[in-house]
PDB file of N, CA and C in Angstrom:
ATOM      1  N   MET A   1     -46.568  53.404  14.470  1.00  0.00           N
ATOM      2  CA  MET A   1     -45.695  53.236  15.652  1.00  0.00           C
ATOM      3  C   MET A   1     -44.856  54.335  15.616  1.00  0.00           C
ATOM      4  N   LYS A   2     -44.526  55.001  16.871  1.00  0.00           N
ATOM      5  CA  LYS A   2     -43.169  56.150  16.933  1.00  0.00           C
ATOM      6  C   LYS A   2     -42.021  55.593  16.848  1.00  0.00           C
ATOM      7  N   GLU A   3     -41.384  56.196  16.912  1.00  0.00           N
ATOM      8  CA  GLU A   3     -39.863  55.983  16.665  1.00  0.00           C
ATOM      9  C   GLU A   3     -38.889  56.494  17.652  1.00  0.00           C
ATOM     10  N   ILE A   4     -38.208  55.696  18.016  1.00  0.00           N
ATOM     11  CA  ILE A   4     -37.193  56.018  19.418  1.00  0.00           C
ATOM     12  C   ILE A   4     -35.611  55.534  19.446  1.00  0.00           C
ATOM     13  N   LYS A   5     -34.753  55.862  19.554  1.00  0.00           N
ATOM     14  CA  LYS A   5     -33.445  55.632  19.340  1.00  0.00           C
ATOM     15  C   LYS A   5     -33.237  54.999  21.232  1.00  0.00           C
ATOM     16  N   LEU A   6     -32.578  53.787  20.748  1.00  0.00           N
ATOM     17  CA  LEU A   6     -31.789  53.179  21.896  1.00  0.00           C
ATOM     18  C   LEU A   6     -30.445  53.446  21.760  1.00  0.00           C
ATOM     19  N   LYS A   7     -29.634  54.314  22.490  1.00  0.00           N
ATOM     20  CA  LYS A   7     -28.248  54.453  22.663  1.00  0.00           C
ATOM     21  C   LYS A   7     -27.535  53.749  23.421  1.00  0.00           C
ATOM     22  N   ILE A   8     -26.520  53.121  23.154  1.00  0.00           N
ATOM     23  CA  ILE A   8     -25.529  52.356  23.166  1.00  0.00           C
ATOM     24  C   ILE A   8     -24.312  52.867  23.401  1.00  0.00           C
ATOM     25  N   GLU A   9     -24.026  53.400  25.110  1.00  0.00           N
ATOM     26  CA  GLU A   9     -22.675  54.183  25.171  1.00  0.00           C
ATOM     27  C   GLU A   9     -21.702  53.011  25.644  1.00  0.00           C
ATOM     28  N   PRO A  10     -20.529  53.869  25.685  1.00  0.00           N
ATOM     29  CA  PRO A  10     -19.312  53.328  26.257  1.00  0.00           C
ATOM     30  C   PRO A  10     -19.524  52.583  27.439  1.00  0.00           C
ATOM     31  N   GLY A  11     -18.925  51.309  27.491  1.00  0.00           N
ATOM     32  CA  GLY A  11     -19.201  50.589  28.269  1.00  0.00           C
ATOM     33  C   GLY A  11     -20.536  49.799  28.606  1.00  0.00           C
ATOM     34  N   ASN A  12     -21.104  49.468  27.301  1.00  0.00           N
ATOM     35  CA  ASN A  12     -22.349  48.839  27.269  1.00  0.00           C
ATOM     36  C   ASN A  12     -23.572  49.063  27.569  1.00  0.00           C
ATOM     37  N   TYR A  13     -23.525  50.494  28.491  1.00  0.00           N
ATOM     38  CA  TYR A  13     -24.811  51.333  28.951  1.00  0.00           C
ATOM     39  C   TYR A  13     -25.616  51.526  27.567  1.00  0.00           C
ATOM     40  N   LYS A  14     -26.845  51.162  28.413  1.00  0.00           N
ATOM     41  CA  LYS A  14     -27.900  51.803  27.428  1.00  0.00           C
ATOM     42  C   LYS A  14     -28.799  52.746  27.481  1.00  0.00           C
ATOM     43  N   SER A  15     -29.264  53.557  27.094  1.00  0.00           N
ATOM     44  CA  SER A  15     -30.135  54.726  27.467  1.00  0.00           C
ATOM     45  C   SER A  15     -31.108  55.191  26.613  1.00  0.00           C
ATOM     46  N   VAL A  16     -32.293  55.580  26.973  1.00  0.00           N
ATOM     47  CA  VAL A  16     -33.131  55.893  26.045  1.00  0.00           C
ATOM     48  C   VAL A  16     -34.414  57.038  27.047  1.00  0.00           C
ATOM     49  N   LYS A  17     -34.757  57.869  26.044  1.00  0.00           N
ATOM     50  CA  LYS A  17     -35.537  58.972  26.943  1.00  0.00           C
ATOM     51  C   LYS A  17     -36.592  59.002  26.180  1.00  0.00           C
ATOM     52  N   LEU A  18     -37.684  59.092  27.408  1.00  0.00           N
ATOM     53  CA  LEU A  18     -39.055  59.036  26.936  1.00  0.00           C
ATOM     54  C   LEU A  18     -39.932  59.786  27.887  1.00  0.00           C
ATOM     55  N   GLU A  19     -41.459  60.167  27.574  1.00  0.00           N
ATOM     56  CA  GLU A  19     -42.295  60.878  28.572  1.00  0.00           C
ATOM     57  C   GLU A  19     -42.326  59.966  29.836  1.00  0.00           C
ATOM     58  N   LEU A  20     -42.474  60.862  31.093  1.00  0.00           N
ATOM     59  CA  LEU A  20     -42.813  60.141  32.268  1.00  0.00           C
ATOM     60  C   LEU A  20     -43.471  58.890  32.429  1.00  0.00           C
ATOM     61  N   SER A  21     -45.192  58.935  31.487  1.00  0.00           N
ATOM     62  CA  SER A  21     -45.681  57.641  31.634  1.00  0.00           C
ATOM     63  C   SER A  21     -45.202  56.436  30.894  1.00  0.00           C
ATOM     64  N   ASP A  22     -44.339  56.790  29.867  1.00  0.00           N
ATOM     65  CA  ASP A  22     -43.846  55.797  29.108  1.00  0.00           C
ATOM     66  C   ASP A  22     -42.730  54.864  29.708  1.00  0.00           C
ATOM     67  N   ALA A  23     -42.116  55.840  30.395  1.00  0.00           N
ATOM     68  CA  ALA A  23     -40.663  55.443  31.351  1.00  0.00           C
ATOM     69  C   ALA A  23     -41.217  54.377  32.703  1.00  0.00           C
ATOM     70  N   LEU A  24     -42.483  54.901  33.227  1.00  0.00           N
ATOM     71  CA  LEU A  24     -43.112  54.286  34.196  1.00  0.00           C
ATOM     72  C   LEU A  24     -43.604  52.631  33.776  1.00  0.00           C
ATOM     73  N   GLU A  25     -43.990  52.558  32.451  1.00  0.00           N
ATOM     74  CA  GLU A  25     -44.537  51.296  31.713  1.00  0.00           C
ATOM     75  C   GLU A  25     -43.544  50.691  31.341  1.00  0.00           C
ATOM     76  N   LEU A  26     -42.397  51.194  30.869  1.00  0.00           N
ATOM     77  CA  LEU A  26     -41.361  50.281  30.565  1.00  0.00           C
ATOM     78  C   LEU A  26     -40.485  49.577  31.325  1.00  0.00           C
ATOM     79  N   LEU A  27     -40.416  50.322  32.961  1.00  0.00           N
ATOM     80  CA  LEU A  27     -40.245  49.478  33.760  1.00  0.00           C
ATOM     81  C   LEU A  27     -40.567  48.601  34.294  1.00  0.00           C
ATOM     82  N   LYS A  28     -42.024  48.545  34.073  1.00  0.00           N
ATOM     83  CA  LYS A  28     -42.967  47.546  34.763  1.00  0.00           C
ATOM     84  C   LYS A  28     -43.024  46.601  33.802  1.00  0.00           C
ATOM     85  N   ILE A  29     -42.829  46.754  32.247  1.00  0.00           N
ATOM     86  CA  ILE A  29     -42.793  45.830  31.689  1.00  0.00           C
ATOM     87  C   ILE A  29     -41.201  45.111  31.670  1.00  0.00           C
ATOM     88  N   ILE A  30     -40.310  45.632  31.749  1.00  0.00           N
ATOM     89  CA  ILE A  30     -39.197  45.086  32.000  1.00  0.00           C
ATOM     90  C   ILE A  30     -38.907  44.228  33.231  1.00  0.00           C
ATOM     91  N   VAL A  31     -39.673  44.489  34.412  1.00  0.00           N
ATOM     92  CA  VAL A  31     -39.828  43.920  35.803  1.00  0.00           C
ATOM     93  C   VAL A  31     -40.535  42.540  35.173  1.00  0.00           C
ATOM     94  N   SER A  32     -41.474  42.797  34.692  1.00  0.00           N
ATOM     95  CA  SER A  32     -42.066  41.506  34.293  1.00  0.00           C
ATOM     96  C   SER A  32     -41.574  40.296  33.060  1.00  0.00           C
ATOM     97  N   LEU A  33     -40.823  41.194  32.269  1.00  0.00           N
ATOM     98  CA  LEU A  33     -40.346  40.167  31.439  1.00  0.00           C
ATOM     99  C   LEU A  33     -38.764  39.536  32.255  1.00  0.00           C
ATOM    100  N   ARG A  34     -38.221  39.947  33.050  1.00  0.00           N
ATOM    101  CA  ARG A  34     -37.374  39.517  34.523  1.00  0.00           C
ATOM    102  C   ARG A  34     -37.727  38.544  35.047  1.00  0.00           C
ATOM    103  N   GLY A  35     -39.434  38.135  34.945  1.00  0.00           N
ATOM    104  CA  GLY A  35     -40.111  37.259  36.333  1.00  0.00           C
ATOM    105  C   GLY A  35     -40.732  37.767  37.126  1.00  0.00           C
ATOM    106  N   GLY A  36     -40.696  39.178  37.133  1.00  0.00           N
ATOM    107  CA  GLY A  36     -41.439  40.107  38.323  1.00  0.00           C
ATOM    108  C   GLY A  36     -40.413  40.195  39.401  1.00  0.00           C
ATOM    109  N   LEU A  37     -38.725  40.259  38.832  1.00  0.00           N
ATOM    110  CA  LEU A  37     -37.751  40.391  39.876  1.00  0.00           C
ATOM    111  C   LEU A  37     -37.958  42.173  40.413  1.00  0.00           C
ATOM    112  N   GLU A  38     -38.187  42.740  41.110  1.00  0.00           N
ATOM    113  CA  GLU A  38     -38.064  43.687  41.271  1.00  0.00           C
ATOM    114  C   GLU A  38     -36.730  44.160  42.583  1.00  0.00           C
ATOM    115  N   THR A  39     -35.996  44.583  42.100  1.00  0.00           N
ATOM    116  CA  THR A  39     -34.356  45.103  43.105  1.00  0.00           C
ATOM    117  C   THR A  39     -34.948  46.337  43.464  1.00  0.00           C
ATOM    118  N   LYS A  40     -33.754  46.440  44.583  1.00  0.00           N
ATOM    119  CA  LYS A  40     -33.960  47.878  45.029  1.00  0.00           C
ATOM    120  C   LYS A  40     -33.959  49.314  44.216  1.00  0.00           C
ATOM    121  N   ASP A  41     -32.923  48.652  43.232  1.00  0.00           N
ATOM    122  CA  ASP A  41     -32.655  50.136  42.364  1.00  0.00           C
ATOM    123  C   ASP A  41     -34.143  50.325  41.795  1.00  0.00           C
ATOM    124  N   VAL A  42     -34.905  49.285  41.118  1.00  0.00           N
ATOM    125  CA  VAL A  42     -36.000  49.418  40.479  1.00  0.00           C
ATOM    126  C   VAL A  42     -37.329  50.221  41.250  1.00  0.00           C
ATOM    127  N   ILE A  43     -37.298  49.768  42.878  1.00  0.00           N
ATOM    128  CA  ILE A  43     -38.373  50.095  43.356  1.00  0.00           C
ATOM    129  C   ILE A  43     -38.091  51.757  43.779  1.00  0.00           C
ATOM    130  N   GLU A  44     -36.621  51.887  43.705  1.00  0.00           N
ATOM    131  CA  GLU A  44     -36.498  53.423  44.283  1.00  0.00           C
ATOM    132  C   GLU A  44     -36.571  54.312  42.741  1.00  0.00           C
ATOM    133  N   SER A  45     -36.292  53.397  41.745  1.00  0.00           N
ATOM    134  CA  SER A  45     -36.672  54.185  40.335  1.00  0.00           C
ATOM    135  C   SER A  45     -38.513  54.747  40.255  1.00  0.00           C
ATOM    136  N   PHE A  46     -38.813  53.706  40.435  1.00  0.00           N
ATOM    137  CA  PHE A  46     -40.616  53.726  40.777  1.00  0.00           C
ATOM    138  C   PHE A  46     -40.738  55.204  41.848  1.00  0.00           C
ATOM    139  N   ARG A  47     -40.287  55.016  42.765  1.00  0.00           N
ATOM    140  CA  ARG A  47     -40.578  56.144  43.977  1.00  0.00           C
ATOM    141  C   ARG A  47     -39.729  57.223  43.453  1.00  0.00           C
ATOM    142  N   ILE A  48     -38.967  57.531  42.487  1.00  0.00           N
ATOM    143  CA  ILE A  48     -38.401  58.697  42.117  1.00  0.00           C
ATOM    144  C   ILE A  48     -38.888  59.541  40.951  1.00  0.00           C
ATOM    145  N   LEU A  49     -39.782  58.230  40.218  1.00  0.00           N
ATOM    146  CA  LEU A  49     -40.558  59.006  38.566  1.00  0.00           C
ATOM    147  C   LEU A  49     -42.001  59.102  39.379  1.00  0.00           C
ATOM    148  N   ASN A  50     -42.502  58.131  40.549  1.00  0.00           N
ATOM    149  CA  ASN A  50     -43.743  58.776  41.190  1.00  0.00           C
ATOM    150  C   ASN A  50     -43.878  60.157  41.840  1.00  0.00           C
ATOM    151  N   ASN A  51     -42.793  60.597  42.366  1.00  0.00           N
ATOM    152  CA  ASN A  51     -42.465  61.769  42.883  1.00  0.00           C
ATOM    153  C   ASN A  51     -41.442  62.976  42.196  1.00  0.00           C
ATOM    154  N   PHE A  52     -41.961  62.778  40.566  1.00  0.00           N
ATOM    155  CA  PHE A  52     -40.812  63.355  39.623  1.00  0.00           C
ATOM    156  C   PHE A  52     -40.530  64.797  39.939  1.00  0.00           C
ATOM    157  N   ASP A  53     -41.682  65.591  40.248  1.00  0.00           N
ATOM    158  CA  ASP A  53     -41.480  67.292  40.748  1.00  0.00           C
ATOM    159  C   ASP A  53     -40.279  67.351  41.862  1.00  0.00           C
ATOM    160  N   GLU A  54     -40.642  66.511  42.970  1.00  0.00           N
ATOM    161  CA  GLU A  54     -40.027  66.757  44.038  1.00  0.00           C
ATOM    162  C   GLU A  54     -38.130  66.496  43.622  1.00  0.00           C
ATOM    163  N   PHE A  55     -38.138  65.271  42.998  1.00  0.00           N
ATOM    164  CA  PHE A  55     -36.812  64.814  42.694  1.00  0.00           C
ATOM    165  C   PHE A  55     -36.309  65.619  41.738  1.00  0.00           C
ATOM    166  N   TYR A  56     -36.868  66.453  40.547  1.00  0.00           N
ATOM    167  CA  TYR A  56     -36.878  67.174  39.990  1.00  0.00           C
ATOM    168  C   TYR A  56     -35.902  68.370  40.424  1.00  0.00           C
ATOM    169  N   GLU A  57     -36.559  69.360  41.224  1.00  0.00           N
ATOM    170  CA  GLU A  57     -36.291  70.214  42.312  1.00  0.00           C
ATOM    171  C   GLU A  57     -35.188  69.899  42.983  1.00  0.00           C
ATOM    172  N   TYR A  58     -34.915  68.825  43.738  1.00  0.00           N
ATOM    173  CA  TYR A  58     -33.664  68.136  44.079  1.00  0.00           C
ATOM    174  C   TYR A  58     -32.810  68.327  43.212  1.00  0.00           C
ATOM    175  N   GLN A  59     -32.881  67.775  41.972  1.00  0.00           N
ATOM    176  CA  GLN A  59     -32.093  67.669  41.232  1.00  0.00           C
ATOM    177  C   GLN A  59     -31.387  68.978  40.744  1.00  0.00           C
ATOM    178  N   ARG A  60     -32.220  69.845  40.641  1.00  0.00           N
ATOM    179  CA  ARG A  60     -31.688  71.461  40.148  1.00  0.00           C
ATOM    180  C   ARG A  60     -31.224  72.061  41.102  1.00  0.00           C
ATOM    181  N   LYS A  61     -31.692  72.160  42.578  1.00  0.00           N
ATOM    182  CA  LYS A  61     -30.751  72.799  43.807  1.00  0.00           C
ATOM    183  C   LYS A  61     -29.584  72.108  43.709  1.00  0.00           C
ATOM    184  N   LYS A  62     -29.188  71.402  43.648  1.00  0.00           N
ATOM    185  CA  LYS A  62     -27.651  70.281  43.745  1.00  0.00           C
ATOM    186  C   LYS A  62     -26.955  70.441  42.712  1.00  0.00           C
ATOM    187  N   PHE A  63     -27.387  70.939  41.722  1.00  0.00           N
ATOM    188  CA  PHE A  63     -26.708  70.936  40.333  1.00  0.00           C
ATOM    189  C   PHE A  63     -26.327  69.656  39.744  1.00  0.00           C
ATOM    190  N   LYS A  64     -27.317  68.746  40.060  1.00  0.00           N
ATOM    191  CA  LYS A  64     -26.970  67.438  39.396  1.00  0.00           C
ATOM    192  C   LYS A  64     -27.491  67.295  37.976  1.00  0.00           C
ATOM    193  N   ASP A  65     -27.160  66.453  37.348  1.00  0.00           N
ATOM    194  CA  ASP A  65     -27.457  66.108  35.860  1.00  0.00           C
ATOM    195  C   ASP A  65     -28.646  64.934  36.115  1.00  0.00           C
ATOM    196  N   TYR A  66     -27.896  63.982  37.270  1.00  0.00           N
ATOM    197  CA  TYR A  66     -28.531  62.594  37.147  1.00  0.00           C
ATOM    198  C   TYR A  66     -29.199  62.443  38.378  1.00  0.00           C
ATOM    199  N   VAL A  67     -29.885  61.744  38.318  1.00  0.00           N
ATOM    200  CA  VAL A  67     -30.894  61.057  39.672  1.00  0.00           C
ATOM    201  C   VAL A  67     -30.428  59.787  39.848  1.00  0.00           C
ATOM    202  N   THR A  68     -29.566  59.037  40.790  1.00  0.00           N
ATOM    203  CA  THR A  68     -29.234  57.768  40.741  1.00  0.00           C
ATOM    204  C   THR A  68     -30.060  56.500  42.012  1.00  0.00           C
ATOM    205  N   PRO A  69     -30.694  55.595  41.559  1.00  0.00           N
ATOM    206  CA  PRO A  69     -31.579  55.077  42.895  1.00  0.00           C
ATOM    207  C   PRO A  69     -30.394  54.193  43.106  1.00  0.00           C
ATOM    208  N   ASP A  70     -30.761  53.873  44.819  1.00  0.00           N
ATOM    209  CA  ASP A  70     -30.255  53.069  45.597  1.00  0.00           C
ATOM    210  C   ASP A  70     -30.040  51.696  45.229  1.00  0.00           C
ATOM    211  N   LYS A  71     -28.910  51.244  45.168  1.00  0.00           N
ATOM    212  CA  LYS A  71     -28.598  49.495  44.950  1.00  0.00           C
ATOM    213  C   LYS A  71     -28.324  48.947  45.882  1.00  0.00           C
ATOM    214  N   ASP A  72     -28.434  47.707  45.849  1.00  0.00           N
ATOM    215  CA  ASP A  72     -27.864  46.740  47.205  1.00  0.00           C
ATOM    216  C   ASP A  72     -26.634  46.098  46.271  1.00  0.00           C
ATOM    217  N   VAL A  73     -25.635  45.943  47.409  1.00  0.00           N
ATOM    218  CA  VAL A  73     -24.313  45.143  46.614  1.00  0.00           C
ATOM    219  C   VAL A  73     -24.494  44.174  46.060  1.00  0.00           C
ATOM    220  N   SER A  74     -25.757  43.254  46.546  1.00  0.00           N
ATOM    221  CA  SER A  74     -25.933  41.806  46.185  1.00  0.00           C
ATOM    222  C   SER A  74     -26.154  41.890  44.914  1.00  0.00           C
ATOM    223  N   ASP A  75     -27.409  42.626  44.840  1.00  0.00           N
ATOM    224  CA  ASP A  75     -27.630  43.018  43.316  1.00  0.00           C
ATOM    225  C   ASP A  75     -26.742  42.995  42.454  1.00  0.00           C
ATOM    226  N   MET A  76     -25.774  43.950  42.473  1.00  0.00           N
ATOM    227  CA  MET A  76     -24.824  44.837  41.576  1.00  0.00           C
ATOM    228  C   MET A  76     -24.103  43.253  41.227  1.00  0.00           C
ATOM    229  N   ILE A  77     -23.300  42.219  42.643  1.00  0.00           N
ATOM    230  CA  ILE A  77     -23.021  41.190  42.425  1.00  0.00           C
ATOM    231  C   ILE A  77     -23.309  40.253  41.141  1.00  0.00           C
ATOM    232  N   LYS A  78     -24.708  40.009  41.063  1.00  0.00           N
ATOM    233  CA  LYS A  78     -25.653  39.049  40.919  1.00  0.00           C
ATOM    234  C   LYS A  78     -25.569  39.826  39.060  1.00  0.00           C
ATOM    235  N   GLY A  79     -25.562  41.114  39.038  1.00  0.00           N
ATOM    236  CA  GLY A  79     -25.965  41.311  37.730  1.00  0.00           C
ATOM    237  C   GLY A  79     -27.346  41.560  37.780  1.00  0.00           C
ATOM    238  N   SER A  80     -27.798  41.740  38.450  1.00  0.00           N
ATOM    239  CA  SER A  80     -29.685  42.111  38.249  1.00  0.00           C
ATOM    240  C   SER A  80     -30.086  43.468  38.261  1.00  0.00           C
ATOM    241  N   VAL A  81     -29.137  44.205  38.627  1.00  0.00           N
ATOM    242  CA  VAL A  81     -29.551  45.647  38.326  1.00  0.00           C
ATOM    243  C   VAL A  81     -30.513  46.431  37.229  1.00  0.00           C
ATOM    244  N   VAL A  82     -31.429  46.689  37.458  1.00  0.00           N
ATOM    245  CA  VAL A  82     -31.774  47.507  36.117  1.00  0.00           C
ATOM    246  C   VAL A  82     -31.464  48.630  35.682  1.00  0.00           C
ATOM    247  N   VAL A  83     -31.292  49.914  36.688  1.00  0.00           N
ATOM    248  CA  VAL A  83     -31.405  51.573  36.190  1.00  0.00           C
ATOM    249  C   VAL A  83     -30.020  51.789  36.931  1.00  0.00           C
ATOM    250  N   ASP A  84     -29.113  52.209  35.864  1.00  0.00           N
ATOM    251  CA  ASP A  84     -28.187  52.935  36.488  1.00  0.00           C
ATOM    252  C   ASP A  84     -28.133  54.396  37.156  1.00  0.00           C
ATOM    253  N   ASN A  85     -28.894  54.936  36.391  1.00  0.00           N
ATOM    254  CA  ASN A  85     -29.256  56.786  36.569  1.00  0.00           C
ATOM    255  C   ASN A  85     -30.494  56.978  35.844  1.00  0.00           C
ATOM    256  N   MET A  86     -30.936  58.123  35.966  1.00  0.00           N
ATOM    257  CA  MET A  86     -31.752  58.762  35.313  1.00  0.00           C
ATOM    258  C   MET A  86     -31.742  60.384  35.557  1.00  0.00           C
ATOM    259  N   LYS A  87     -32.080  60.955  34.126  1.00  0.00           N
ATOM    260  CA  LYS A  87     -32.019  62.247  34.260  1.00  0.00           C
ATOM    261  C   LYS A  87     -33.566  63.011  33.731  1.00  0.00           C
ATOM    262  N   LEU A  88     -33.995  63.941  34.886  1.00  0.00           N
ATOM    263  CA  LEU A  88     -35.479  64.058  34.948  1.00  0.00           C
ATOM    264  C   LEU A  88     -35.632  65.539  34.126  1.00  0.00           C
ATOM    265  N   VAL A  89     -35.911  65.768  33.128  1.00  0.00           N
ATOM    266  CA  VAL A  89     -36.022  66.663  32.317  1.00  0.00           C
ATOM    267  C   VAL A  89     -37.764  67.228  31.913  1.00  0.00           C
ATOM    268  N   LYS A  90     -37.734  68.940  32.130  1.00  0.00           N
ATOM    269  CA  LYS A  90     -39.099  69.232  31.876  1.00  0.00           C
ATOM    270  C   LYS A  90     -38.768  69.865  30.609  1.00  0.00           C
ATOM    271  N   GLU A  91     -39.739  69.880  29.159  1.00  0.00           N
ATOM    272  CA  GLU A  91     -39.698  70.240  28.019  1.00  0.00           C
ATOM    273  C   GLU A  91     -40.865  71.129  27.429  1.00  0.00           C
ATOM    274  N   ASN A  92     -41.384  72.060  27.710  1.00  0.00           N
ATOM    275  CA  ASN A  92     -42.480  72.409  27.136  1.00  0.00           C
ATOM    276  C   ASN A  92     -43.685  72.026  27.682  1.00  0.00           C
ATOM    277  N   ASN A  93     -43.457  72.105  28.952  1.00  0.00           N
ATOM    278  CA  ASN A  93     -44.465  71.795  30.075  1.00  0.00           C
ATOM    279  C   ASN A  93     -44.775  70.525  30.158  1.00  0.00           C
ATOM    280  N   LYS A  94     -43.829  69.479  29.570  1.00  0.00           N
ATOM    281  CA  LYS A  94     -43.786  67.858  29.781  1.00  0.00           C
ATOM    282  C   LYS A  94     -43.038  67.273  30.500  1.00  0.00           C
ATOM    283  N   LYS A  95     -43.120  66.166  30.820  1.00  0.00           N
ATOM    284  CA  LYS A  95     -41.944  65.544  31.936  1.00  0.00           C
ATOM    285  C   LYS A  95     -41.177  64.437  31.040  1.00  0.00           C
ATOM    286  N   PHE A  96     -40.175  64.316  31.067  1.00  0.00           N
ATOM    287  CA  PHE A  96     -39.417  63.557  30.289  1.00  0.00           C
ATOM    288  C   PHE A  96     -38.289  62.556  31.140  1.00  0.00           C
ATOM    289  N   VAL A  97     -37.918  61.492  30.972  1.00  0.00           N
ATOM    290  CA  VAL A  97     -36.838  60.887  31.923  1.00  0.00           C
ATOM    291  C   VAL A  97     -35.740  60.339  30.544  1.00  0.00           C
ATOM    292  N   ILE A  98     -34.603  60.324  31.195  1.00  0.00           N
ATOM    293  CA  ILE A  98     -33.455  59.844  30.307  1.00  0.00           C
ATOM    294  C   ILE A  98     -32.980  58.653  31.249  1.00  0.00           C
ATOM    295  N   ILE A  99     -33.413  57.482  31.025  1.00  0.00           N
ATOM    296  CA  ILE A  99     -33.494  56.291  31.750  1.00  0.00           C
ATOM    297  C   ILE A  99     -31.716  55.811  31.217  1.00  0.00           C
ATOM    298  N   THR A 100     -30.573  55.473  31.900  1.00  0.00           N
ATOM    299  CA  THR A 100     -29.564  54.706  31.551  1.00  0.00           C
ATOM    300  C   THR A 100     -29.674  53.945  32.374  1.00  0.00           C
ATOM    301  N   PHE A 101     -29.687  52.540  31.738  1.00  0.00           N
ATOM    302  CA  PHE A 101     -29.640  50.888  32.190  1.00  0.00           C
ATOM    303  C   PHE A 101     -28.590  50.345  32.438  1.00  0.00           C
ATOM    304  N   ASP A 102     -28.202  49.576  33.502  1.00  0.00           N
ATOM    305  CA  ASP A 102     -27.116  48.710  33.906  1.00  0.00           C
ATOM    306  C   ASP A 102     -26.561  48.356  32.652  1.00  0.00           C
ATOM    307  N   ARG A 103     -24.932  48.396  32.573  1.00  0.00           N
ATOM    308  CA  ARG A 103     -24.647  47.647  31.447  1.00  0.00           C
ATOM    309  C   ARG A 103     -25.093  46.187  31.249  1.00  0.00           C
ATOM    310  N   ARG A 104     -25.315  45.351  32.365  1.00  0.00           N
ATOM    311  CA  ARG A 104     -25.603  44.031  32.383  1.00  0.00           C
ATOM    312  C   ARG A 104     -26.800  43.588  31.764  1.00  0.00           C
ATOM    313  N   LEU A 105     -28.077  44.689  31.743  1.00  0.00           N
ATOM    314  CA  LEU A 105     -29.501  44.410  31.671  1.00  0.00           C
ATOM    315  C   LEU A 105     -29.616  43.977  29.876  1.00  0.00           C
ATOM    316  N   LYS A 106     -29.595  42.711  29.662  1.00  0.00           N
ATOM    317  CA  LYS A 106     -29.846  42.351  28.199  1.00  0.00           C
ATOM    318  C   LYS A 106     -30.769  43.398  27.454  1.00  0.00           C
ATOM    319  N   GLU A 107     -29.889  43.538  26.001  1.00  0.00           N
ATOM    320  CA  GLU A 107     -31.004  44.499  25.226  1.00  0.00           C
ATOM    321  C   GLU A 107     -32.212  44.019  24.576  1.00  0.00           C
ATOM    322  N   GLU A 108     -32.287  43.093  24.866  1.00  0.00           N
ATOM    323  CA  GLU A 108     -33.778  42.561  24.313  1.00  0.00           C
ATOM    324  C   GLU A 108     -35.115  42.599  25.147  1.00  0.00           C
ATOM    325  N   PHE A 109     -34.438  42.974  26.760  1.00  0.00           N
ATOM    326  CA  PHE A 109     -35.580  43.343  27.485  1.00  0.00           C
ATOM    327  C   PHE A 109     -36.051  44.609  27.067  1.00  0.00           C
ATOM    328  N   ILE A 110     -34.989  45.618  26.825  1.00  0.00           N
ATOM    329  CA  ILE A 110     -35.728  46.996  26.586  1.00  0.00           C
ATOM    330  C   ILE A 110     -36.150  47.137  25.258  1.00  0.00           C
ATOM    331  N   VAL A 111     -35.888  46.645  24.131  1.00  0.00           N
ATOM    332  CA  VAL A 111     -36.451  46.712  23.059  1.00  0.00           C
ATOM    333  C   VAL A 111     -37.871  46.115  22.807  1.00  0.00           C
ATOM    334  N   LYS A 112     -37.943  44.960  23.671  1.00  0.00           N
ATOM    335  CA  LYS A 112     -39.506  44.194  23.568  1.00  0.00           C
ATOM    336  C   LYS A 112     -40.260  45.160  24.657  1.00  0.00           C
ATOM    337  N   GLY A 113     -39.743  45.735  25.621  1.00  0.00           N
ATOM    338  CA  GLY A 113     -40.292  46.734  26.589  1.00  0.00           C
ATOM    339  C   GLY A 113     -41.227  48.076  25.486  1.00  0.00           C
ATOM    340  N   LEU A 114     -40.033  48.569  24.768  1.00  0.00           N
ATOM    341  CA  LEU A 114     -40.525  49.827  24.011  1.00  0.00           C
ATOM    342  C   LEU A 114     -41.493  49.203  22.854  1.00  0.00           C
ATOM    343  N   ASN A 115     -41.157  48.044  22.201  1.00  0.00           N
ATOM    344  CA  ASN A 115     -42.034  47.722  21.461  1.00  0.00           C
ATOM    345  C   ASN A 115     -43.529  47.388  21.995  1.00  0.00           C
ATOM    346  N   GLN A 116     -43.767  47.004  23.325  1.00  0.00           N
ATOM    347  CA  GLN A 116     -45.246  46.867  23.705  1.00  0.00           C
ATOM    348  C   GLN A 116     -45.745  48.071  23.811  1.00  0.00           C
ATOM    349  N   ILE A 117     -45.019  48.942  24.466  1.00  0.00           N
ATOM    350  CA  ILE A 117     -45.635  50.345  24.627  1.00  0.00           C
ATOM    351  C   ILE A 117     -45.616  50.917  23.210  1.00  0.00           C
ATOM    352  N   GLY A 118     -45.815  50.438  21.914  1.00  0.00           N
ATOM    353  CA  GLY A 118     -45.781  51.157  20.828  1.00  0.00           C
ATOM    354  C   GLY A 118     -44.504  52.123  19.968  1.00  0.00           C
ATOM    355  N   PHE A 119     -43.424  51.786  20.547  1.00  0.00           N
ATOM    356  CA  PHE A 119     -42.273  52.324  19.687  1.00  0.00           C
ATOM    357  C   PHE A 119     -41.266  51.222  18.697  1.00  0.00           C
ATOM    358  N   ASN A 120     -41.020  51.601  17.795  1.00  0.00           N
ATOM    359  CA  ASN A 120     -40.124  51.122  17.047  1.00  0.00           C
ATOM    360  C   ASN A 120     -38.531  51.315  16.935  1.00  0.00           C
ATOM    361  N   VAL A 121     -37.617  50.632  17.493  1.00  0.00           N
ATOM    362  CA  VAL A 121     -36.980  50.857  18.093  1.00  0.00           C
ATOM    363  C   VAL A 121     -35.164  50.895  17.098  1.00  0.00           C
ATOM    364  N   THR A 122     -34.870  51.864  17.082  1.00  0.00           N
ATOM    365  CA  THR A 122     -33.641  51.925  16.230  1.00  0.00           C
ATOM    366  C   THR A 122     -32.220  52.000  17.256  1.00  0.00           C
ATOM    367  N   THR A 123     -31.320  51.058  17.431  1.00  0.00           N
ATOM    368  CA  THR A 123     -30.202  51.453  18.082  1.00  0.00           C
ATOM    369  C   THR A 123     -29.074  52.109  17.569  1.00  0.00           C
ATOM    370  N   GLU A 124     -28.654  53.121  18.349  1.00  0.00           N
ATOM    371  CA  GLU A 124     -27.415  53.938  18.068  1.00  0.00           C
ATOM    372  C   GLU A 124     -26.449  53.730  18.843  1.00  0.00           C
ATOM    373  N   LYS A 125     -25.072  53.638  18.368  1.00  0.00           N
ATOM    374  CA  LYS A 125     -23.948  53.247  18.853  1.00  0.00           C
ATOM    375  C   LYS A 125     -22.797  54.373  18.747  1.00  0.00           C
TER     376      LYS A 125
END
């Protein structure tokens, strides 16, 4: 199993750095663990990741560190938002995504998802 760190940031935001394919798979698993609920932020996150190169260029041109998917206010009030923001990174011709999850997403969903795609998770605060 591959090792990965799940960072718990101030405000209880959780973030993880994954290769693009693993990030897509993790989001699919989290949606399934939450009963198939696809909120607007999840749909937008898939759109961003499926068009990685275009959004990466946009991020660079606008001097932005992160891309923030649109969210519905009703999802925010209900606490059903999954993705707070994402950072798109290219290193050595590989595509990586740093996903920062919403503070109210249960840590167990992220850990279970990472375990299902073959990662051993350590938490870092």
